[in-house]
N, C-alpha and C. Protein backbone atom coordinates (compact mmCIF):
# COMPACT_ATOMS: atom_id res chain seq x y z
N ILE A 1 -13.33 21.61 -17.79
CA ILE A 1 -14.04 20.54 -17.14
C ILE A 1 -13.38 19.20 -17.45
N ALA A 2 -12.92 19.05 -18.69
CA ALA A 2 -12.32 17.77 -19.09
C ALA A 2 -11.11 17.44 -18.23
N ALA A 3 -10.31 18.46 -17.89
CA ALA A 3 -9.12 18.21 -17.06
C ALA A 3 -9.51 17.73 -15.67
N GLN A 4 -10.67 18.15 -15.18
CA GLN A 4 -11.12 17.73 -13.86
C GLN A 4 -11.77 16.35 -13.90
N ILE A 5 -12.39 16.00 -15.01
CA ILE A 5 -13.10 14.72 -15.11
C ILE A 5 -12.18 13.58 -15.51
N LEU A 6 -11.14 13.86 -16.28
CA LEU A 6 -10.27 12.80 -16.79
C LEU A 6 -9.65 11.92 -15.69
N PRO A 7 -9.17 12.48 -14.57
CA PRO A 7 -8.66 11.59 -13.51
C PRO A 7 -9.74 10.65 -12.97
N TRP A 8 -10.97 11.11 -12.88
CA TRP A 8 -12.07 10.24 -12.43
C TRP A 8 -12.35 9.15 -13.45
N THR A 9 -12.19 9.49 -14.71
CA THR A 9 -12.37 8.50 -15.77
C THR A 9 -11.35 7.39 -15.63
N TRP A 10 -10.09 7.78 -15.41
CA TRP A 10 -9.03 6.77 -15.23
C TRP A 10 -9.28 5.93 -13.98
N PHE A 11 -9.72 6.58 -12.89
CA PHE A 11 -10.03 5.85 -11.67
C PHE A 11 -11.14 4.83 -11.93
N GLY A 12 -12.18 5.23 -12.64
CA GLY A 12 -13.27 4.32 -12.98
C GLY A 12 -12.80 3.16 -13.83
N TRP A 13 -11.91 3.45 -14.78
CA TRP A 13 -11.39 2.39 -15.63
C TRP A 13 -10.57 1.39 -14.82
N VAL A 14 -9.75 1.88 -13.91
CA VAL A 14 -8.94 0.98 -13.07
C VAL A 14 -9.85 0.12 -12.19
N MET A 15 -10.88 0.72 -11.62
CA MET A 15 -11.82 -0.04 -10.78
C MET A 15 -12.56 -1.09 -11.62
N MET A 16 -12.95 -0.73 -12.83
CA MET A 16 -13.62 -1.68 -13.71
C MET A 16 -12.69 -2.84 -14.04
N PHE A 17 -11.43 -2.53 -14.33
CA PHE A 17 -10.47 -3.57 -14.67
C PHE A 17 -10.23 -4.50 -13.49
N LEU A 18 -10.04 -3.94 -12.30
CA LEU A 18 -9.78 -4.76 -11.12
C LEU A 18 -10.97 -5.65 -10.76
N SER A 19 -12.16 -5.07 -10.78
CA SER A 19 -13.34 -5.88 -10.44
C SER A 19 -13.58 -6.95 -11.50
N GLY A 20 -13.37 -6.62 -12.76
CA GLY A 20 -13.53 -7.61 -13.83
C GLY A 20 -12.51 -8.72 -13.72
N ALA A 21 -11.28 -8.37 -13.36
CA ALA A 21 -10.24 -9.39 -13.19
C ALA A 21 -10.58 -10.32 -12.04
N LEU A 22 -11.11 -9.78 -10.96
CA LEU A 22 -11.49 -10.62 -9.82
C LEU A 22 -12.63 -11.57 -10.19
N ILE A 23 -13.61 -11.06 -10.92
CA ILE A 23 -14.72 -11.91 -11.35
C ILE A 23 -14.20 -13.00 -12.30
N PHE A 24 -13.32 -12.63 -13.22
CA PHE A 24 -12.76 -13.59 -14.16
C PHE A 24 -12.01 -14.70 -13.42
N THR A 25 -11.25 -14.36 -12.40
CA THR A 25 -10.47 -15.37 -11.68
C THR A 25 -11.35 -16.33 -10.87
N SER A 26 -12.61 -15.98 -10.68
CA SER A 26 -13.50 -16.89 -9.94
C SER A 26 -13.80 -18.16 -10.73
N ASP A 27 -13.81 -18.07 -12.06
CA ASP A 27 -14.06 -19.25 -12.91
C ASP A 27 -13.52 -18.98 -14.32
N PRO A 28 -12.19 -18.93 -14.48
CA PRO A 28 -11.62 -18.52 -15.76
C PRO A 28 -11.95 -19.44 -16.92
N VAL A 29 -12.08 -20.73 -16.68
CA VAL A 29 -12.38 -21.66 -17.78
C VAL A 29 -13.76 -21.36 -18.35
N ARG A 30 -14.72 -21.11 -17.48
CA ARG A 30 -16.09 -20.81 -17.91
C ARG A 30 -16.12 -19.51 -18.73
N TYR A 31 -15.46 -18.49 -18.23
CA TYR A 31 -15.50 -17.20 -18.92
C TYR A 31 -14.70 -17.23 -20.22
N TYR A 32 -13.56 -17.87 -20.21
CA TYR A 32 -12.71 -17.90 -21.40
C TYR A 32 -13.42 -18.55 -22.58
N GLY A 33 -14.20 -19.56 -22.32
CA GLY A 33 -14.90 -20.26 -23.39
C GLY A 33 -16.19 -19.61 -23.84
N ASN A 34 -16.60 -18.55 -23.16
CA ASN A 34 -17.87 -17.89 -23.46
C ASN A 34 -17.70 -16.88 -24.59
N THR A 35 -18.44 -17.05 -25.65
CA THR A 35 -18.36 -16.17 -26.82
C THR A 35 -18.69 -14.73 -26.47
N TYR A 36 -19.71 -14.52 -25.64
CA TYR A 36 -20.10 -13.16 -25.28
C TYR A 36 -19.05 -12.47 -24.42
N PHE A 37 -18.33 -13.24 -23.62
CA PHE A 37 -17.23 -12.68 -22.84
C PHE A 37 -16.14 -12.17 -23.78
N ARG A 38 -15.83 -12.94 -24.79
CA ARG A 38 -14.82 -12.52 -25.76
C ARG A 38 -15.27 -11.30 -26.55
N ILE A 39 -16.55 -11.26 -26.90
CA ILE A 39 -17.11 -10.09 -27.59
C ILE A 39 -16.99 -8.87 -26.69
N LYS A 40 -17.31 -9.05 -25.41
CA LYS A 40 -17.21 -7.94 -24.47
C LYS A 40 -15.78 -7.42 -24.38
N LEU A 41 -14.80 -8.30 -24.28
CA LEU A 41 -13.41 -7.87 -24.21
C LEU A 41 -12.98 -7.14 -25.48
N ALA A 42 -13.41 -7.64 -26.62
CA ALA A 42 -13.08 -6.99 -27.89
C ALA A 42 -13.70 -5.59 -27.96
N LEU A 43 -14.92 -5.46 -27.49
CA LEU A 43 -15.59 -4.16 -27.49
C LEU A 43 -14.91 -3.19 -26.52
N ILE A 44 -14.46 -3.68 -25.38
CA ILE A 44 -13.74 -2.83 -24.43
C ILE A 44 -12.44 -2.34 -25.07
N ALA A 45 -11.75 -3.22 -25.78
CA ALA A 45 -10.52 -2.82 -26.47
C ALA A 45 -10.83 -1.78 -27.55
N LEU A 46 -11.92 -1.98 -28.29
CA LEU A 46 -12.31 -1.02 -29.32
C LEU A 46 -12.68 0.33 -28.70
N ALA A 47 -13.40 0.31 -27.59
CA ALA A 47 -13.76 1.56 -26.91
C ALA A 47 -12.51 2.28 -26.42
N GLY A 48 -11.55 1.54 -25.90
CA GLY A 48 -10.30 2.15 -25.45
C GLY A 48 -9.51 2.74 -26.60
N LEU A 49 -9.44 2.03 -27.70
CA LEU A 49 -8.74 2.53 -28.89
C LEU A 49 -9.43 3.79 -29.43
N ASN A 50 -10.74 3.77 -29.44
CA ASN A 50 -11.51 4.93 -29.89
C ASN A 50 -11.21 6.14 -29.00
N ALA A 51 -11.18 5.95 -27.69
CA ALA A 51 -10.89 7.05 -26.77
C ALA A 51 -9.46 7.56 -26.97
N LEU A 52 -8.53 6.64 -27.14
CA LEU A 52 -7.14 7.03 -27.36
C LEU A 52 -7.00 7.86 -28.64
N LEU A 53 -7.59 7.39 -29.72
CA LEU A 53 -7.52 8.13 -30.98
C LEU A 53 -8.19 9.49 -30.86
N PHE A 54 -9.31 9.55 -30.15
CA PHE A 54 -10.00 10.82 -29.96
C PHE A 54 -9.10 11.82 -29.24
N HIS A 55 -8.46 11.38 -28.16
CA HIS A 55 -7.63 12.30 -27.39
C HIS A 55 -6.34 12.67 -28.11
N LEU A 56 -5.85 11.80 -28.96
CA LEU A 56 -4.62 12.11 -29.70
C LEU A 56 -4.87 12.97 -30.93
N THR A 57 -6.11 13.02 -31.40
CA THR A 57 -6.39 13.76 -32.64
C THR A 57 -7.40 14.88 -32.42
N PHE A 58 -8.66 14.57 -32.34
CA PHE A 58 -9.73 15.57 -32.34
C PHE A 58 -9.75 16.45 -31.11
N PHE A 59 -9.39 15.92 -29.96
CA PHE A 59 -9.48 16.67 -28.71
C PHE A 59 -8.50 17.84 -28.67
N LYS A 60 -7.48 17.80 -29.48
CA LYS A 60 -6.49 18.88 -29.51
C LYS A 60 -7.08 20.19 -29.98
N THR A 61 -8.19 20.14 -30.71
CA THR A 61 -8.83 21.35 -31.22
C THR A 61 -10.11 21.70 -30.46
N VAL A 62 -10.26 21.19 -29.25
CA VAL A 62 -11.50 21.37 -28.51
C VAL A 62 -11.80 22.84 -28.20
N ALA A 63 -10.80 23.68 -28.06
CA ALA A 63 -11.02 25.09 -27.77
C ALA A 63 -11.80 25.78 -28.90
N ALA A 64 -11.61 25.34 -30.11
CA ALA A 64 -12.31 25.94 -31.25
C ALA A 64 -13.76 25.50 -31.34
N TRP A 65 -14.14 24.49 -30.60
CA TRP A 65 -15.51 23.98 -30.68
C TRP A 65 -16.52 24.91 -30.02
N ASP A 66 -16.06 25.84 -29.20
CA ASP A 66 -16.98 26.77 -28.53
C ASP A 66 -17.70 27.67 -29.51
N GLU A 67 -17.11 27.85 -30.67
CA GLU A 67 -17.68 28.75 -31.66
C GLU A 67 -18.72 28.08 -32.55
N GLY A 68 -18.84 26.78 -32.46
CA GLY A 68 -19.80 26.06 -33.29
C GLY A 68 -19.89 24.62 -32.85
N ALA A 69 -20.47 23.82 -33.69
CA ALA A 69 -20.63 22.40 -33.38
C ALA A 69 -19.29 21.68 -33.47
N ALA A 70 -19.20 20.59 -32.75
CA ALA A 70 -18.00 19.76 -32.83
C ALA A 70 -17.86 19.21 -34.24
N PRO A 71 -16.62 18.98 -34.67
CA PRO A 71 -16.42 18.42 -36.01
C PRO A 71 -17.11 17.06 -36.16
N GLY A 72 -17.47 16.74 -37.38
CA GLY A 72 -18.17 15.48 -37.64
C GLY A 72 -17.40 14.26 -37.15
N ARG A 73 -16.08 14.27 -37.30
CA ARG A 73 -15.28 13.13 -36.86
C ARG A 73 -15.31 13.00 -35.35
N ALA A 74 -15.32 14.11 -34.64
CA ALA A 74 -15.40 14.06 -33.18
C ALA A 74 -16.76 13.53 -32.74
N ARG A 75 -17.81 13.96 -33.42
CA ARG A 75 -19.15 13.44 -33.09
C ARG A 75 -19.24 11.96 -33.42
N MET A 76 -18.59 11.53 -34.50
CA MET A 76 -18.58 10.11 -34.84
C MET A 76 -17.86 9.30 -33.76
N ALA A 77 -16.76 9.85 -33.24
CA ALA A 77 -16.04 9.17 -32.15
C ALA A 77 -16.94 9.04 -30.93
N GLY A 78 -17.73 10.05 -30.64
CA GLY A 78 -18.69 9.98 -29.54
C GLY A 78 -19.74 8.93 -29.77
N LEU A 79 -20.25 8.85 -30.99
CA LEU A 79 -21.24 7.85 -31.33
C LEU A 79 -20.67 6.44 -31.22
N VAL A 80 -19.45 6.25 -31.70
CA VAL A 80 -18.79 4.94 -31.60
C VAL A 80 -18.61 4.57 -30.14
N SER A 81 -18.22 5.53 -29.31
CA SER A 81 -18.04 5.27 -27.89
C SER A 81 -19.35 4.84 -27.23
N LEU A 82 -20.41 5.59 -27.48
CA LEU A 82 -21.71 5.23 -26.90
C LEU A 82 -22.18 3.85 -27.37
N LEU A 83 -22.02 3.59 -28.65
CA LEU A 83 -22.43 2.29 -29.19
C LEU A 83 -21.63 1.16 -28.56
N CYS A 84 -20.32 1.36 -28.45
CA CYS A 84 -19.47 0.33 -27.83
C CYS A 84 -19.93 0.04 -26.40
N TRP A 85 -20.17 1.08 -25.61
CA TRP A 85 -20.52 0.86 -24.21
C TRP A 85 -21.89 0.23 -24.05
N VAL A 86 -22.83 0.59 -24.90
CA VAL A 86 -24.14 -0.08 -24.85
C VAL A 86 -23.98 -1.56 -25.18
N LEU A 87 -23.20 -1.85 -26.21
CA LEU A 87 -22.98 -3.25 -26.58
C LEU A 87 -22.17 -4.00 -25.52
N ILE A 88 -21.27 -3.33 -24.83
CA ILE A 88 -20.52 -3.95 -23.74
C ILE A 88 -21.47 -4.36 -22.62
N VAL A 89 -22.41 -3.51 -22.30
CA VAL A 89 -23.40 -3.85 -21.27
C VAL A 89 -24.23 -5.05 -21.70
N PHE A 90 -24.70 -5.05 -22.94
CA PHE A 90 -25.49 -6.18 -23.42
C PHE A 90 -24.68 -7.48 -23.45
N ALA A 91 -23.45 -7.39 -23.92
CA ALA A 91 -22.59 -8.59 -23.94
C ALA A 91 -22.31 -9.07 -22.53
N GLY A 92 -22.09 -8.13 -21.61
CA GLY A 92 -21.85 -8.52 -20.22
C GLY A 92 -23.04 -9.23 -19.61
N ARG A 93 -24.22 -8.77 -19.92
CA ARG A 93 -25.42 -9.44 -19.42
C ARG A 93 -25.59 -10.81 -20.06
N ALA A 94 -25.23 -10.91 -21.32
CA ALA A 94 -25.38 -12.19 -22.05
C ALA A 94 -24.41 -13.24 -21.54
N VAL A 95 -23.28 -12.84 -20.96
CA VAL A 95 -22.30 -13.79 -20.46
C VAL A 95 -22.94 -14.75 -19.46
N GLY A 96 -23.78 -14.24 -18.60
CA GLY A 96 -24.41 -15.07 -17.59
C GLY A 96 -25.51 -15.98 -18.11
N TYR A 97 -26.06 -15.65 -19.27
CA TYR A 97 -27.21 -16.40 -19.77
C TYR A 97 -26.84 -17.43 -20.84
N PHE A 98 -25.75 -17.19 -21.55
CA PHE A 98 -25.36 -18.10 -22.63
C PHE A 98 -23.97 -18.63 -22.36
N GLU A 99 -23.89 -19.91 -22.13
CA GLU A 99 -22.58 -20.51 -21.84
C GLU A 99 -22.21 -21.52 -22.89
């Protein structure tokens, strides 16, 4: 399933990047000076790094996970990913309210 979903994940990431870049170009001075915008970008970078590390390390042993629970480090990577994306949503919403 992962092999079928991964291209959609990349497509979603590209669409997110393009739409975010277009929104940023509408008023770059306003967004650049916004603390929550910077937090959001940092969290997106952290989420990307977390995904990259997951795929380069823990995902290589995914076939063995069918016999039991995922390793603790893999579950931690999932938790970090979920936490990052929830915080990205909150930071994104805060961008419009706090300037």
